Amino acid sequence: MDALTAALKVAASGLGAQSERLRVVSENLANAQSTGSTPGADPYRRKTITFQSEVDRATGGSLV
């Protein structure tokens, strides 16, 4: 794989990750005022997203 292809793969991966993060943020904004559908039901709880590098997954590393 040449350097240009490697750089494009890294850029595409970063754009995919950013897209996923923005999707989660938009869901949180859209549902911020949601309440439970039945009496006593829990209201909407925000979602969070955590990214982990491919190196960590490949080597068995974990977040601290």
Protein backbone atom coordinates (compact mmCIF):
# COMPACT_ATOMS: atom_id res chain seq x y z
CA MET A 1 0.00 0.00 0.00
CA ASP A 2 1.47 3.32 -0.98
CA ALA A 3 1.54 6.39 1.25
CA LEU A 4 -1.36 8.11 -0.51
CA THR A 5 -3.65 5.11 -0.09
CA ALA A 6 -2.68 4.79 3.58
CA ALA A 7 -3.40 8.47 4.18
CA LEU A 8 -6.79 8.19 2.47
CA LYS A 9 -7.70 5.17 4.61
CA VAL A 10 -6.82 7.09 7.77
CA ALA A 11 -8.86 10.09 6.62
CA ALA A 12 -11.86 7.88 5.74
CA SER A 13 -11.68 6.19 9.12
CA GLY A 14 -11.62 9.54 10.90
CA LEU A 15 -14.60 10.80 8.89
CA GLY A 16 -16.54 7.64 9.70
CA ALA A 17 -15.83 8.05 13.41
CA GLN A 18 -16.86 11.71 13.34
CA SER A 19 -20.05 10.80 11.49
CA GLU A 20 -20.95 8.25 14.16
CA ARG A 21 -20.26 10.76 16.94
CA LEU A 22 -22.48 13.37 15.28
CA ARG A 23 -25.26 10.79 14.84
CA VAL A 24 -25.23 10.07 18.58
CA VAL A 25 -25.19 13.78 19.43
CA SER A 26 -28.14 14.45 17.12
CA GLU A 27 -30.13 11.59 18.71
CA ASN A 28 -29.43 13.07 22.14
CA LEU A 29 -30.60 16.52 21.02
CA ALA A 30 -33.72 15.16 19.34
CA ASN A 31 -34.75 13.18 22.41
CA ALA A 32 -33.65 15.60 25.15
CA GLN A 33 -37.22 16.55 26.10
CA SER A 34 -38.66 13.03 25.78
CA THR A 35 -40.43 11.56 28.76
CA GLY A 36 -41.46 8.01 29.49
CA SER A 37 -44.33 6.73 27.35
CA THR A 38 -46.18 5.32 30.37
CA PRO A 39 -46.62 6.71 33.87
CA GLY A 40 -43.58 5.89 35.98
CA ALA A 41 -41.42 5.09 32.94
CA ASP A 42 -37.90 6.45 32.82
CA PRO A 43 -37.24 9.53 30.66
CA TYR A 44 -34.78 9.40 27.77
CA ARG A 45 -31.17 8.91 28.87
CA ARG A 46 -28.40 10.35 26.77
CA LYS A 47 -26.14 8.03 24.83
CA THR A 48 -22.38 8.34 24.88
CA ILE A 49 -19.80 7.03 22.47
CA THR A 50 -16.24 6.03 23.25
CA PHE A 51 -13.63 5.35 20.60
CA GLN A 52 -10.74 3.00 21.04
CA SER A 53 -7.80 2.75 18.68
CA GLU A 54 -7.32 -0.28 16.46
CA VAL A 55 -3.94 -0.86 18.11
CA ASP A 56 -5.60 -1.22 21.51
CA ARG A 57 -8.09 -3.75 20.14
CA ALA A 58 -5.39 -5.73 18.35
CA THR A 59 -3.10 -5.89 21.39
CA GLY A 60 -5.80 -6.42 23.98
CA GLY A 61 -5.27 -3.02 25.59
CA SER A 62 -8.05 -1.44 27.60
CA LEU A 63 -9.22 2.00 28.62
CA VAL A 64 -8.33 3.26 32.08
